[in-house]
Amino acid sequence: MATTEIYRYLLVGEQQVALDPEGYLVVLGDWTPEVARSLAEEEGITLTDEHWEVIQVLRDFYQRFEQAPAMRPLVKAVARALGEEKGRSIHLMRLFPGSPAKLAARIAGLPKPTHCL
């Protein structure tokens, strides 16, 4: 569940998007591909087709299970949707450095995955 505490706003075009203290959307419905690009840009990431594939897997997972996946379920979901080669931790870490489950969920406009520190 997304927090309702507004820490700052991200300006995307003319839209102000409220973010919580960890940089997740306060209102999940504010997400757009442009918001994703802006969030990724703040992390020094330029979204490629490979990023968008993972983002779509995440958004589909959330729609189905109403939660963002932690790392292990994320790896399994990506492998199932995109193939074993892309469903590897090393691939996800290359795309979303540090904590792929948290970073990818944030960029995908989802709440922080449960069981992620």
C-alpha atoms as a PDB file:
ATOM      1  CA  MET A   1       0.000   0.000   0.000  1.00  0.00           C
ATOM      2  CA  ALA A   2       1.342   3.407  -0.912  1.00  0.00           C
ATOM      3  CA  THR A   3       1.954   5.892   1.871  1.00  0.00           C
ATOM      4  CA  THR A   4      -0.037   9.113   1.957  1.00  0.00           C
ATOM      5  CA  GLU A   5       2.849  11.170   3.329  1.00  0.00           C
ATOM      6  CA  ILE A   6       4.007  13.677   0.723  1.00  0.00           C
ATOM      7  CA  TYR A   7       7.719  14.344   0.931  1.00  0.00           C
ATOM      8  CA  ARG A   8       8.249  16.183  -2.352  1.00  0.00           C
ATOM      9  CA  TYR A   9       6.839  16.723  -5.825  1.00  0.00           C
ATOM     10  CA  LEU A  10       8.234  15.575  -9.145  1.00  0.00           C
ATOM     11  CA  LEU A  11       7.474  17.991 -11.980  1.00  0.00           C
ATOM     12  CA  VAL A  12       6.599  16.095 -15.169  1.00  0.00           C
ATOM     13  CA  GLY A  13       5.634  18.511 -17.890  1.00  0.00           C
ATOM     14  CA  GLU A  14       2.928  20.602 -16.226  1.00  0.00           C
ATOM     15  CA  GLN A  15       1.956  17.876 -13.749  1.00  0.00           C
ATOM     16  CA  GLN A  16       3.155  17.806 -10.126  1.00  0.00           C
ATOM     17  CA  VAL A  17       3.459  14.210  -8.953  1.00  0.00           C
ATOM     18  CA  ALA A  18       3.536  13.646  -5.182  1.00  0.00           C
ATOM     19  CA  LEU A  19       6.280  11.340  -3.898  1.00  0.00           C
ATOM     20  CA  ASP A  20       6.691   9.776  -0.473  1.00  0.00           C
ATOM     21  CA  PRO A  21       9.969   9.938   1.520  1.00  0.00           C
ATOM     22  CA  GLU A  22      11.364   6.926  -0.408  1.00  0.00           C
ATOM     23  CA  GLY A  23      10.428   8.336  -3.826  1.00  0.00           C
ATOM     24  CA  TYR A  24       7.368   6.147  -4.466  1.00  0.00           C
ATOM     25  CA  LEU A  25       4.170   7.650  -5.868  1.00  0.00           C
ATOM     26  CA  VAL A  26       1.678   8.765  -3.233  1.00  0.00           C
ATOM     27  CA  VAL A  27      -1.163   8.368  -5.751  1.00  0.00           C
ATOM     28  CA  LEU A  28      -0.532   5.293  -7.893  1.00  0.00           C
ATOM     29  CA  GLY A  29      -2.926   6.619 -10.531  1.00  0.00           C
ATOM     30  CA  ASP A  30      -0.491   9.461 -11.255  1.00  0.00           C
ATOM     31  CA  TRP A  31       1.798   7.052 -13.095  1.00  0.00           C
ATOM     32  CA  THR A  32       2.406   7.572 -16.804  1.00  0.00           C
ATOM     33  CA  PRO A  33       5.294   6.561 -19.033  1.00  0.00           C
ATOM     34  CA  GLU A  34       6.542  10.168 -18.733  1.00  0.00           C
ATOM     35  CA  VAL A  35       6.539   9.853 -14.933  1.00  0.00           C
ATOM     36  CA  ALA A  36       8.522   6.617 -15.301  1.00  0.00           C
ATOM     37  CA  ARG A  37      11.085   8.362 -17.502  1.00  0.00           C
ATOM     38  CA  SER A  38      11.456  11.186 -14.973  1.00  0.00           C
ATOM     39  CA  LEU A  39      11.852   8.797 -12.040  1.00  0.00           C
ATOM     40  CA  ALA A  40      14.414   6.776 -13.990  1.00  0.00           C
ATOM     41  CA  GLU A  41      16.270   9.925 -15.004  1.00  0.00           C
ATOM     42  CA  GLU A  42      16.643  10.844 -11.319  1.00  0.00           C
ATOM     43  CA  GLU A  43      18.423   7.497 -10.904  1.00  0.00           C
ATOM     44  CA  GLY A  44      20.673   8.088 -13.906  1.00  0.00           C
ATOM     45  CA  ILE A  45      18.807   5.480 -15.965  1.00  0.00           C
ATOM     46  CA  THR A  46      17.691   5.952 -19.553  1.00  0.00           C
ATOM     47  CA  LEU A  47      14.828   3.545 -20.134  1.00  0.00           C
ATOM     48  CA  THR A  48      15.383   1.111 -22.994  1.00  0.00           C
ATOM     49  CA  ASP A  49      13.057  -1.502 -24.452  1.00  0.00           C
ATOM     50  CA  GLU A  50      14.490  -4.005 -21.956  1.00  0.00           C
ATOM     51  CA  HIS A  51      13.533  -1.726 -19.057  1.00  0.00           C
ATOM     52  CA  TRP A  52      10.022  -1.294 -20.440  1.00  0.00           C
ATOM     53  CA  GLU A  53       9.605  -5.083 -20.714  1.00  0.00           C
ATOM     54  CA  VAL A  54      10.366  -5.463 -17.002  1.00  0.00           C
ATOM     55  CA  ILE A  55       8.171  -2.493 -16.111  1.00  0.00           C
ATOM     56  CA  GLN A  56       5.274  -4.117 -17.978  1.00  0.00           C
ATOM     57  CA  VAL A  57       5.858  -7.427 -16.175  1.00  0.00           C
ATOM     58  CA  LEU A  58       5.799  -5.556 -12.867  1.00  0.00           C
ATOM     59  CA  ARG A  59       2.619  -3.679 -13.678  1.00  0.00           C
ATOM     60  CA  ASP A  60       0.934  -6.916 -14.828  1.00  0.00           C
ATOM     61  CA  PHE A  61       2.065  -8.651 -11.606  1.00  0.00           C
ATOM     62  CA  TYR A  62       0.640  -5.814  -9.521  1.00  0.00           C
ATOM     63  CA  GLN A  63      -2.655  -5.875 -11.394  1.00  0.00           C
ATOM     64  CA  ARG A  64      -2.957  -9.610 -10.788  1.00  0.00           C
ATOM     65  CA  PHE A  65      -1.721  -9.888  -7.180  1.00  0.00           C
ATOM     66  CA  GLU A  66      -2.217  -6.320  -5.854  1.00  0.00           C
ATOM     67  CA  GLN A  67       1.357  -6.116  -4.608  1.00  0.00           C
ATOM     68  CA  ALA A  68       4.742  -5.406  -6.101  1.00  0.00           C
ATOM     69  CA  PRO A  69       6.984  -8.473  -6.113  1.00  0.00           C
ATOM     70  CA  ALA A  70      10.114  -8.803  -3.998  1.00  0.00           C
ATOM     71  CA  MET A  71      13.262  -9.963  -5.805  1.00  0.00           C
ATOM     72  CA  ARG A  72      12.624 -13.723  -5.975  1.00  0.00           C
ATOM     73  CA  PRO A  73       9.040 -13.449  -7.294  1.00  0.00           C
ATOM     74  CA  LEU A  74      10.209 -10.703  -9.688  1.00  0.00           C
ATOM     75  CA  VAL A  75      12.895 -12.976 -11.157  1.00  0.00           C
ATOM     76  CA  LYS A  76      10.344 -15.768 -11.595  1.00  0.00           C
ATOM     77  CA  ALA A  77       7.753 -13.458 -13.168  1.00  0.00           C
ATOM     78  CA  VAL A  78      10.285 -12.022 -15.619  1.00  0.00           C
ATOM     79  CA  ALA A  79      11.556 -15.506 -16.533  1.00  0.00           C
ATOM     80  CA  ARG A  80       7.998 -16.694 -17.139  1.00  0.00           C
ATOM     81  CA  ALA A  81       7.077 -13.648 -19.252  1.00  0.00           C
ATOM     82  CA  LEU A  82      10.340 -12.885 -21.054  1.00  0.00           C
ATOM     83  CA  GLY A  83      12.380 -16.085 -20.945  1.00  0.00           C
ATOM     84  CA  GLU A  84      15.034 -17.597 -18.711  1.00  0.00           C
ATOM     85  CA  GLU A  85      17.848 -15.372 -19.975  1.00  0.00           C
ATOM     86  CA  LYS A  86      16.058 -12.176 -18.964  1.00  0.00           C
ATOM     87  CA  GLY A  87      14.699 -13.769 -15.806  1.00  0.00           C
ATOM     88  CA  ARG A  88      18.039 -13.719 -14.022  1.00  0.00           C
ATOM     89  CA  SER A  89      19.099 -11.567 -11.107  1.00  0.00           C
ATOM     90  CA  ILE A  90      22.203 -10.384 -12.959  1.00  0.00           C
ATOM     91  CA  HIS A  91      20.089  -9.112 -15.866  1.00  0.00           C
ATOM     92  CA  LEU A  92      17.752  -7.238 -13.535  1.00  0.00           C
ATOM     93  CA  MET A  93      20.667  -5.762 -11.580  1.00  0.00           C
ATOM     94  CA  ARG A  94      22.189  -4.492 -14.820  1.00  0.00           C
ATOM     95  CA  LEU A  95      18.929  -2.745 -15.705  1.00  0.00           C
ATOM     96  CA  PHE A  96      18.010  -1.554 -12.198  1.00  0.00           C
ATOM     97  CA  PRO A  97      21.236  -1.314 -10.148  1.00  0.00           C
ATOM     98  CA  GLY A  98      21.258  -1.750  -6.399  1.00  0.00           C
ATOM     99  CA  SER A  99      17.899  -3.209  -5.449  1.00  0.00           C
ATOM    100  CA  PRO A 100      16.134  -4.137  -8.692  1.00  0.00           C
ATOM    101  CA  ALA A 101      12.796  -5.021  -7.082  1.00  0.00           C
ATOM    102  CA  LYS A 102      12.552  -1.703  -5.237  1.00  0.00           C
ATOM    103  CA  LEU A 103      13.927   0.506  -8.004  1.00  0.00           C
ATOM    104  CA  ALA A 104      11.925  -1.110 -10.801  1.00  0.00           C
ATOM    105  CA  ALA A 105       8.724  -0.982  -8.724  1.00  0.00           C
ATOM    106  CA  ARG A 106       9.279   2.710  -8.001  1.00  0.00           C
ATOM    107  CA  ILE A 107       9.837   3.510 -11.679  1.00  0.00           C
ATOM    108  CA  ALA A 108       6.821   1.344 -12.604  1.00  0.00           C
ATOM    109  CA  GLY A 109       4.647   3.463 -10.308  1.00  0.00           C
ATOM    110  CA  LEU A 110       4.013   0.699  -7.795  1.00  0.00           C
ATOM    111  CA  PRO A 111       4.285   0.660  -4.022  1.00  0.00           C
ATOM    112  CA  LYS A 112       7.448  -0.579  -2.316  1.00  0.00           C
ATOM    113  CA  PRO A 113       7.597  -4.373  -2.500  1.00  0.00           C
ATOM    114  CA  THR A 114       6.811  -6.152   0.731  1.00  0.00           C
ATOM    115  CA  HIS A 115       9.766  -7.767   2.468  1.00  0.00           C
ATOM    116  CA  CYS A 116      12.217  -5.255   0.956  1.00  0.00           C
ATOM    117  CA  LEU A 117      14.329  -3.304   3.404  1.00  0.00           C
END
